[in-house]
């Protein structure tokens, strides 16, 4: 059951990534670009979570998941700071 929930979280993050990227390509609002990159990182984080709990159950991927999540959040923070500065 947890694998199903983790997979649904990954699919939801992927859907958000695609919608944000599509809207960015249509409107060229830069904050949408940074948000799409953030959600792409969150999608990768969720995929790593599924892999960590199912495929590589004997290997600890928590450090990699945290690094990917941190990079995703830093992209959004960077985008917010850049938009605030202009």
PDB file of N, CA and C in Angstrom:
ATOM      1  N   UNK A   1       0.797  -1.203   0.000  1.00  0.00           N
ATOM      2  CA  UNK A   1       0.000   0.000   0.000  1.00  0.00           C
ATOM      3  C   UNK A   1       0.848   1.279   0.000  1.00  0.00           C
ATOM      4  N   UNK A   2       1.928   1.342   0.788  1.00  0.00           N
ATOM      5  CA  UNK A   2       2.745   2.562   0.743  1.00  0.00           C
ATOM      6  C   UNK A   2       3.346   2.823  -0.635  1.00  0.00           C
ATOM      7  N   UNK A   3       3.701   1.775  -1.364  1.00  0.00           N
ATOM      8  CA  UNK A   3       4.279   1.954  -2.694  1.00  0.00           C
ATOM      9  C   UNK A   3       3.265   2.620  -3.619  1.00  0.00           C
ATOM     10  N   UNK A   4       2.016   2.253  -3.496  1.00  0.00           N
ATOM     11  CA  UNK A   4       0.964   2.879  -4.300  1.00  0.00           C
ATOM     12  C   UNK A   4       0.855   4.362  -3.975  1.00  0.00           C
ATOM     13  N   UNK A   5       0.879   4.695  -2.711  1.00  0.00           N
ATOM     14  CA  UNK A   5       0.777   6.093  -2.308  1.00  0.00           C
ATOM     15  C   UNK A   5       1.993   6.879  -2.778  1.00  0.00           C
ATOM     16  N   UNK A   6       3.195   6.319  -2.622  1.00  0.00           N
ATOM     17  CA  UNK A   6       4.402   6.999  -3.090  1.00  0.00           C
ATOM     18  C   UNK A   6       4.363   7.189  -4.604  1.00  0.00           C
ATOM     19  N   UNK A   7       3.866   6.192  -5.318  1.00  0.00           N
ATOM     20  CA  UNK A   7       3.772   6.300  -6.782  1.00  0.00           C
ATOM     21  C   UNK A   7       2.772   7.364  -7.187  1.00  0.00           C
ATOM     22  N   UNK A   8       1.657   7.445  -6.485  1.00  0.00           N
ATOM     23  CA  UNK A   8       0.672   8.486  -6.783  1.00  0.00           C
ATOM     24  C   UNK A   8       1.235   9.875  -6.492  1.00  0.00           C
ATOM     25  N   UNK A   9       2.044  10.000  -5.454  1.00  0.00           N
ATOM     26  CA  UNK A   9       2.698  11.279  -5.161  1.00  0.00           C
ATOM     27  C   UNK A   9       3.649  11.664  -6.290  1.00  0.00           C
ATOM     28  N   UNK A  10       4.391  10.700  -6.808  1.00  0.00           N
ATOM     29  CA  UNK A  10       5.305  10.968  -7.922  1.00  0.00           C
ATOM     30  C   UNK A  10       4.534  11.383  -9.164  1.00  0.00           C
ATOM     31  N   UNK A  11       3.424  10.719  -9.441  1.00  0.00           N
ATOM     32  CA  UNK A  11       2.616  11.080 -10.610  1.00  0.00           C
ATOM     33  C   UNK A  11       1.984  12.462 -10.450  1.00  0.00           C
ATOM     34  N   UNK A  12       1.582  12.800  -9.241  1.00  0.00           N
ATOM     35  CA  UNK A  12       1.018  14.128  -8.992  1.00  0.00           C
ATOM     36  C   UNK A  12       2.072  15.206  -9.196  1.00  0.00           C
ATOM     37  N   UNK A  13       3.278  14.979  -8.681  1.00  0.00           N
ATOM     38  CA  UNK A  13       4.359  15.946  -8.877  1.00  0.00           C
ATOM     39  C   UNK A  13       4.710  16.068 -10.362  1.00  0.00           C
ATOM     40  N   UNK A  14       4.679  14.955 -11.083  1.00  0.00           N
ATOM     41  CA  UNK A  14       4.941  14.995 -12.528  1.00  0.00           C
ATOM     42  C   UNK A  14       3.864  15.798 -13.250  1.00  0.00           C
ATOM     43  N   UNK A  15       2.617  15.603 -12.869  1.00  0.00           N
ATOM     44  CA  UNK A  15       1.522  16.364 -13.480  1.00  0.00           C
ATOM     45  C   UNK A  15       1.695  17.856 -13.217  1.00  0.00           C
ATOM     46  N   UNK A  16       2.077  18.216 -12.006  1.00  0.00           N
ATOM     47  CA  UNK A  16       2.320  19.622 -11.685  1.00  0.00           C
ATOM     48  C   UNK A  16       3.471  20.173 -12.518  1.00  0.00           C
ATOM     49  N   UNK A  17       4.532  19.377 -12.672  1.00  0.00           N
ATOM     50  CA  UNK A  17       5.670  19.799 -13.485  1.00  0.00           C
ATOM     51  C   UNK A  17       5.234  20.084 -14.913  1.00  0.00           C
ATOM     52  N   UNK A  18       4.472  19.172 -15.481  1.00  0.00           N
ATOM     53  CA  UNK A  18       4.045  19.337 -16.877  1.00  0.00           C
ATOM     54  C   UNK A  18       3.124  20.531 -17.043  1.00  0.00           C
ATOM     55  N   UNK A  19       2.200  20.729 -16.110  1.00  0.00           N
ATOM     56  CA  UNK A  19       1.290  21.881 -16.215  1.00  0.00           C
ATOM     57  C   UNK A  19       2.039  23.199 -16.049  1.00  0.00           C
ATOM     58  N   UNK A  20       2.969  23.250 -15.106  1.00  0.00           N
ATOM     59  CA  UNK A  20       3.744  24.475 -14.922  1.00  0.00           C
ATOM     60  C   UNK A  20       4.621  24.764 -16.126  1.00  0.00           C
ATOM     61  N   UNK A  21       5.259  23.741 -16.682  1.00  0.00           N
ATOM     62  CA  UNK A  21       6.113  23.933 -17.854  1.00  0.00           C
ATOM     63  C   UNK A  21       5.295  24.366 -19.063  1.00  0.00           C
ATOM     64  N   UNK A  22       4.149  23.763 -19.239  1.00  0.00           N
ATOM     65  CA  UNK A  22       3.292  24.142 -20.370  1.00  0.00           C
ATOM     66  C   UNK A  22       2.830  25.590 -20.251  1.00  0.00           C
ATOM     67  N   UNK A  23       2.458  25.993 -19.050  1.00  0.00           N
ATOM     68  CA  UNK A  23       2.011  27.367 -18.848  1.00  0.00           C
ATOM     69  C   UNK A  23       3.174  28.345 -18.998  1.00  0.00           C
ATOM     70  N   UNK A  24       4.361  27.933 -18.547  1.00  0.00           N
ATOM     71  CA  UNK A  24       5.533  28.787 -18.746  1.00  0.00           C
ATOM     72  C   UNK A  24       5.804  28.991 -20.234  1.00  0.00           C
ATOM     73  N   UNK A  25       5.733  27.930 -21.026  1.00  0.00           N
ATOM     74  CA  UNK A  25       5.994  28.053 -22.460  1.00  0.00           C
ATOM     75  C   UNK A  25       4.970  28.949 -23.148  1.00  0.00           C
ATOM     76  N   UNK A  26       3.778  29.003 -22.599  1.00  0.00           N
ATOM     77  CA  UNK A  26       2.739  29.834 -23.182  1.00  0.00           C
ATOM     78  C   UNK A  26       2.867  31.298 -22.757  1.00  0.00           C
ATOM     79  N   UNK A  27       3.219  31.543 -21.490  1.00  0.00           N
ATOM     80  CA  UNK A  27       3.197  32.908 -20.958  1.00  0.00           C
ATOM     81  C   UNK A  27       4.577  33.521 -20.761  1.00  0.00           C
ATOM     82  N   UNK A  28       5.621  32.693 -20.645  1.00  0.00           N
ATOM     83  CA  UNK A  28       7.004  33.135 -20.402  1.00  0.00           C
ATOM     84  C   UNK A  28       7.156  33.902 -19.085  1.00  0.00           C
ATOM     85  N   UNK A  29       6.355  33.559 -18.096  1.00  0.00           N
ATOM     86  CA  UNK A  29       6.530  34.099 -16.748  1.00  0.00           C
ATOM     87  C   UNK A  29       7.610  33.277 -16.068  1.00  0.00           C
ATOM     88  N   UNK A  30       8.704  33.940 -15.677  1.00  0.00           N
ATOM     89  CA  UNK A  30       9.883  33.206 -15.197  1.00  0.00           C
ATOM     90  C   UNK A  30       9.639  32.443 -13.898  1.00  0.00           C
ATOM     91  N   UNK A  31       8.753  32.934 -13.061  1.00  0.00           N
ATOM     92  CA  UNK A  31       8.481  32.224 -11.810  1.00  0.00           C
ATOM     93  C   UNK A  31       7.873  30.844 -12.092  1.00  0.00           C
ATOM     94  N   UNK A  32       7.121  30.731 -13.159  1.00  0.00           N
ATOM     95  CA  UNK A  32       6.596  29.418 -13.560  1.00  0.00           C
ATOM     96  C   UNK A  32       7.721  28.480 -13.968  1.00  0.00           C
ATOM     97  N   UNK A  33       8.757  29.022 -14.598  1.00  0.00           N
ATOM     98  CA  UNK A  33       9.912  28.212 -14.974  1.00  0.00           C
ATOM     99  C   UNK A  33      10.587  27.631 -13.741  1.00  0.00           C
ATOM    100  N   UNK A  34      10.839  28.477 -12.737  1.00  0.00           N
ATOM    101  CA  UNK A  34      11.504  28.008 -11.521  1.00  0.00           C
ATOM    102  C   UNK A  34      10.616  27.049 -10.754  1.00  0.00           C
ATOM    103  N   UNK A  35       9.312  27.284 -10.789  1.00  0.00           N
ATOM    104  CA  UNK A  35       8.390  26.363 -10.123  1.00  0.00           C
ATOM    105  C   UNK A  35       8.366  25.011 -10.826  1.00  0.00           C
ATOM    106  N   UNK A  36       8.415  25.018 -12.149  1.00  0.00           N
ATOM    107  CA  UNK A  36       8.449  23.768 -12.901  1.00  0.00           C
ATOM    108  C   UNK A  36       9.729  22.993 -12.594  1.00  0.00           C
ATOM    109  N   UNK A  37      10.865  23.708 -12.498  1.00  0.00           N
ATOM    110  CA  UNK A  37      12.115  23.033 -12.140  1.00  0.00           C
ATOM    111  C   UNK A  37      12.042  22.452 -10.736  1.00  0.00           C
ATOM    112  N   UNK A  38      11.433  23.188  -9.819  1.00  0.00           N
ATOM    113  CA  UNK A  38      11.284  22.691  -8.449  1.00  0.00           C
ATOM    114  C   UNK A  38      10.447  21.412  -8.436  1.00  0.00           C
ATOM    115  N   UNK A  39       9.329  21.419  -9.140  1.00  0.00           N
ATOM    116  CA  UNK A  39       8.486  20.230  -9.158  1.00  0.00           C
ATOM    117  C   UNK A  39       9.128  19.078  -9.923  1.00  0.00           C
ATOM    118  N   UNK A  40       9.980  19.377 -10.883  1.00  0.00           N
ATOM    119  CA  UNK A  40      10.731  18.305 -11.541  1.00  0.00           C
ATOM    120  C   UNK A  40      11.662  17.635 -10.529  1.00  0.00           C
ATOM    121  N   UNK A  41      12.288  18.442  -9.690  1.00  0.00           N
ATOM    122  CA  UNK A  41      13.121  17.878  -8.638  1.00  0.00           C
ATOM    123  C   UNK A  41      12.313  17.089  -7.624  1.00  0.00           C
ATOM    124  N   UNK A  42      11.135  17.587  -7.290  1.00  0.00           N
ATOM    125  CA  UNK A  42      10.277  16.857  -6.361  1.00  0.00           C
ATOM    126  C   UNK A  42       9.780  15.543  -6.977  1.00  0.00           C
ATOM    127  N   UNK A  43       9.563  15.554  -8.284  1.00  0.00           N
ATOM    128  CA  UNK A  43       9.211  14.313  -8.969  1.00  0.00           C
ATOM    129  C   UNK A  43      10.357  13.310  -8.862  1.00  0.00           C
ATOM    130  N   UNK A  44      11.567  13.785  -9.111  1.00  0.00           N
ATOM    131  CA  UNK A  44      12.740  12.903  -8.989  1.00  0.00           C
ATOM    132  C   UNK A  44      12.880  12.394  -7.557  1.00  0.00           C
ATOM    133  N   UNK A  45      12.593  13.257  -6.594  1.00  0.00           N
ATOM    134  CA  UNK A  45      12.653  12.856  -5.188  1.00  0.00           C
ATOM    135  C   UNK A  45      11.646  11.743  -4.905  1.00  0.00           C
ATOM    136  N   UNK A  46      10.443  11.875  -5.423  1.00  0.00           N
ATOM    137  CA  UNK A  46       9.426  10.847  -5.205  1.00  0.00           C
ATOM    138  C   UNK A  46       9.755   9.548  -5.926  1.00  0.00           C
ATOM    139  N   UNK A  47      10.344   9.655  -7.100  1.00  0.00           N
ATOM    140  CA  UNK A  47      10.762   8.437  -7.811  1.00  0.00           C
ATOM    141  C   UNK A  47      11.862   7.734  -7.029  1.00  0.00           C
ATOM    142  N   UNK A  48      12.794   8.507  -6.495  1.00  0.00           N
ATOM    143  CA  UNK A  48      13.838   7.910  -5.660  1.00  0.00           C
ATOM    144  C   UNK A  48      13.242   7.259  -4.413  1.00  0.00           C
ATOM    145  N   UNK A  49      12.197   7.846  -3.876  1.00  0.00           N
ATOM    146  CA  UNK A  49      11.528   7.252  -2.716  1.00  0.00           C
ATOM    147  C   UNK A  49      10.925   5.898  -3.068  1.00  0.00           C
ATOM    148  N   UNK A  50      10.262   5.832  -4.216  1.00  0.00           N
ATOM    149  CA  UNK A  50       9.682   4.553  -4.647  1.00  0.00           C
ATOM    150  C   UNK A  50      10.785   3.528  -4.862  1.00  0.00           C
ATOM    151  N   UNK A  51      11.861   3.938  -5.523  1.00  0.00           N
ATOM    152  CA  UNK A  51      12.977   3.016  -5.750  1.00  0.00           C
ATOM    153  C   UNK A  51      13.622   2.592  -4.436  1.00  0.00           C
ATOM    154  N   UNK A  52      13.728   3.522  -3.503  1.00  0.00           N
ATOM    155  CA  UNK A  52      14.340   3.229  -2.209  1.00  0.00           C
ATOM    156  C   UNK A  52      13.533   2.197  -1.432  1.00  0.00           C
ATOM    157  N   UNK A  53      12.230   2.289  -1.510  1.00  0.00           N
ATOM    158  CA  UNK A  53      11.378   1.401  -0.720  1.00  0.00           C
ATOM    159  C   UNK A  53      11.076   0.073  -1.410  1.00  0.00           C
ATOM    160  N   UNK A  54      11.239   0.016  -2.736  1.00  0.00           N
ATOM    161  CA  UNK A  54      10.881  -1.220  -3.440  1.00  0.00           C
ATOM    162  C   UNK A  54      12.085  -1.905  -4.071  1.00  0.00           C
ATOM    163  N   UNK A  55      12.717  -1.255  -5.023  1.00  0.00           N
ATOM    164  CA  UNK A  55      13.765  -1.890  -5.814  1.00  0.00           C
ATOM    165  C   UNK A  55      15.045  -2.060  -5.017  1.00  0.00           C
ATOM    166  N   UNK A  56      15.478  -0.993  -4.357  1.00  0.00           N
ATOM    167  CA  UNK A  56      16.737  -1.016  -3.607  1.00  0.00           C
ATOM    168  C   UNK A  56      16.447  -1.015  -2.112  1.00  0.00           C
ATOM    169  N   UNK A  57      15.690  -1.979  -1.652  1.00  0.00           N
ATOM    170  CA  UNK A  57      15.290  -2.018  -0.243  1.00  0.00           C
ATOM    171  C   UNK A  57      16.484  -2.228   0.684  1.00  0.00           C
ATOM    172  N   UNK A  58      17.531  -2.849   0.177  1.00  0.00           N
ATOM    173  CA  UNK A  58      18.700  -3.099   1.022  1.00  0.00           C
ATOM    174  C   UNK A  58      19.722  -1.964   0.990  1.00  0.00           C
ATOM    175  N   UNK A  59      19.521  -0.975   0.100  1.00  0.00           N
ATOM    176  CA  UNK A  59      20.423   0.174  -0.014  1.00  0.00           C
ATOM    177  C   UNK A  59      19.681   1.418   0.472  1.00  0.00           C
ATOM    178  N   UNK A  60      20.350   2.226   1.281  1.00  0.00           N
ATOM    179  CA  UNK A  60      19.748   3.437   1.812  1.00  0.00           C
ATOM    180  C   UNK A  60      19.951   4.599   0.838  1.00  0.00           C
ATOM    181  N   UNK A  61      18.867   5.077   0.236  1.00  0.00           N
ATOM    182  CA  UNK A  61      18.930   6.196  -0.695  1.00  0.00           C
ATOM    183  C   UNK A  61      18.458   7.500  -0.063  1.00  0.00           C
ATOM    184  N   UNK A  62      18.341   7.529   1.251  1.00  0.00           N
ATOM    185  CA  UNK A  62      17.778   8.712   1.894  1.00  0.00           C
ATOM    186  C   UNK A  62      18.657   9.943   1.696  1.00  0.00           C
ATOM    187  N   UNK A  63      19.968   9.775   1.671  1.00  0.00           N
ATOM    188  CA  UNK A  63      20.844  10.926   1.452  1.00  0.00           C
ATOM    189  C   UNK A  63      20.632  11.512   0.062  1.00  0.00           C
ATOM    190  N   UNK A  64      20.531  10.644  -0.929  1.00  0.00           N
ATOM    191  CA  UNK A  64      20.293  11.122  -2.300  1.00  0.00           C
ATOM    192  C   UNK A  64      18.932  11.799  -2.415  1.00  0.00           C
ATOM    193  N   UNK A  65      17.934  11.248  -1.741  1.00  0.00           N
ATOM    194  CA  UNK A  65      16.610  11.867  -1.772  1.00  0.00           C
ATOM    195  C   UNK A  65      16.651  13.259  -1.156  1.00  0.00           C
ATOM    196  N   UNK A  66      17.355  13.393  -0.047  1.00  0.00           N
ATOM    197  CA  UNK A  66      17.452  14.697   0.603  1.00  0.00           C
ATOM    198  C   UNK A  66      18.216  15.708  -0.250  1.00  0.00           C
ATOM    199  N   UNK A  67      19.259  15.255  -0.917  1.00  0.00           N
ATOM    200  CA  UNK A  67      20.026  16.150  -1.792  1.00  0.00           C
ATOM    201  C   UNK A  67      19.155  16.635  -2.946  1.00  0.00           C
ATOM    202  N   UNK A  68      18.393  15.737  -3.542  1.00  0.00           N
ATOM    203  CA  UNK A  68      17.517  16.116  -4.655  1.00  0.00           C
ATOM    204  C   UNK A  68      16.427  17.068  -4.171  1.00  0.00           C
ATOM    205  N   UNK A  69      15.851  16.804  -3.020  1.00  0.00           N
ATOM    206  CA  UNK A  69      14.813  17.683  -2.476  1.00  0.00           C
ATOM    207  C   UNK A  69      15.387  19.060  -2.153  1.00  0.00           C
ATOM    208  N   UNK A  70      16.587  19.102  -1.588  1.00  0.00           N
ATOM    209  CA  UNK A  70      17.223  20.379  -1.286  1.00  0.00           C
ATOM    210  C   UNK A  70      17.491  21.164  -2.566  1.00  0.00           C
ATOM    211  N   UNK A  71      17.992  20.497  -3.587  1.00  0.00           N
ATOM    212  CA  UNK A  71      18.251  21.168  -4.866  1.00  0.00           C
ATOM    213  C   UNK A  71      16.955  21.707  -5.463  1.00  0.00           C
ATOM    214  N   UNK A  72      15.883  20.949  -5.358  1.00  0.00           N
ATOM    215  CA  UNK A  72      14.598  21.398  -5.886  1.00  0.00           C
ATOM    216  C   UNK A  72      14.111  22.643  -5.149  1.00  0.00           C
ATOM    217  N   UNK A  73      14.207  22.627  -3.837  1.00  0.00           N
ATOM    218  CA  UNK A  73      13.758  23.780  -3.061  1.00  0.00           C
ATOM    219  C   UNK A  73      14.651  24.997  -3.298  1.00  0.00           C
ATOM    220  N   UNK A  74      15.960  24.759  -3.456  1.00  0.00           N
ATOM    221  CA  UNK A  74      16.866  25.868  -3.727  1.00  0.00           C
ATOM    222  C   UNK A  74      16.580  26.524  -5.075  1.00  0.00           C
ATOM    223  N   UNK A  75      16.153  25.725  -6.057  1.00  0.00           N
ATOM    224  CA  UNK A  75      15.784  26.305  -7.341  1.00  0.00           C
ATOM    225  C   UNK A  75      14.590  27.245  -7.196  1.00  0.00           C
ATOM    226  N   UNK A  76      13.613  26.838  -6.401  1.00  0.00           N
ATOM    227  CA  UNK A  76      12.451  27.687  -6.202  1.00  0.00           C
ATOM    228  C   UNK A  76      12.825  28.930  -5.417  1.00  0.00           C
ATOM    229  N   UNK A  77      13.632  28.792  -4.387  1.00  0.00           N
ATOM    230  CA  UNK A  77      14.071  29.958  -3.613  1.00  0.00           C
ATOM    231  C   UNK A  77      14.867  30.907  -4.501  1.00  0.00           C
ATOM    232  N   UNK A  78      15.754  30.370  -5.324  1.00  0.00           N
ATOM    233  CA  UNK A  78      16.526  31.204  -6.241  1.00  0.00           C
ATOM    234  C   UNK A  78      15.592  31.964  -7.183  1.00  0.00           C
ATOM    235  N   UNK A  79      14.597  31.278  -7.726  1.00  0.00           N
ATOM    236  CA  UNK A  79      13.645  31.936  -8.608  1.00  0.00           C
ATOM    237  C   UNK A  79      12.866  33.025  -7.899  1.00  0.00           C
ATOM    238  N   UNK A  80      12.464  32.778  -6.668  1.00  0.00           N
ATOM    239  CA  UNK A  80      11.735  33.792  -5.904  1.00  0.00           C
ATOM    240  C   UNK A  80      12.607  35.000  -5.617  1.00  0.00           C
ATOM    241  N   UNK A  81      13.873  34.779  -5.284  1.00  0.00           N
ATOM    242  CA  UNK A  81      14.790  35.889  -5.011  1.00  0.00           C
ATOM    243  C   UNK A  81      15.046  36.674  -6.283  1.00  0.00           C
ATOM    244  N   UNK A  82      15.238  35.999  -7.398  1.00  0.00           N
ATOM    245  CA  UNK A  82      15.480  36.683  -8.656  1.00  0.00           C
ATOM    246  C   UNK A  82      14.293  37.512  -9.087  1.00  0.00           C
ATOM    247  N   UNK A  83      13.084  37.001  -8.871  1.00  0.00           N
ATOM    248  CA  UNK A  83      11.881  37.767  -9.232  1.00  0.00           C
ATOM    249  C   UNK A  83      11.703  38.964  -8.312  1.00  0.00           C
ATOM    250  N   UNK A  84      12.065  38.806  -7.063  1.00  0.00           N
ATOM    251  CA  UNK A  84      11.929  39.909  -6.105  1.00  0.00           C
ATOM    252  C   UNK A  84      12.897  41.031  -6.419  1.00  0.00           C
ATOM    253  N   UNK A  85      14.073  40.676  -6.947  1.00  0.00           N
ATOM    254  CA  UNK A  85      15.080  41.667  -7.250  1.00  0.00           C
ATOM    255  C   UNK A  85      14.790  42.493  -8.484  1.00  0.00           C
ATOM    256  N   UNK A  86      13.817  42.097  -9.288  1.00  0.00           N
ATOM    257  CA  UNK A  86      13.545  42.827 -10.534  1.00  0.00           C
ATOM    258  C   UNK A  86      12.293  43.634 -10.469  1.00  0.00           C
TER     259      UNK A  86
END
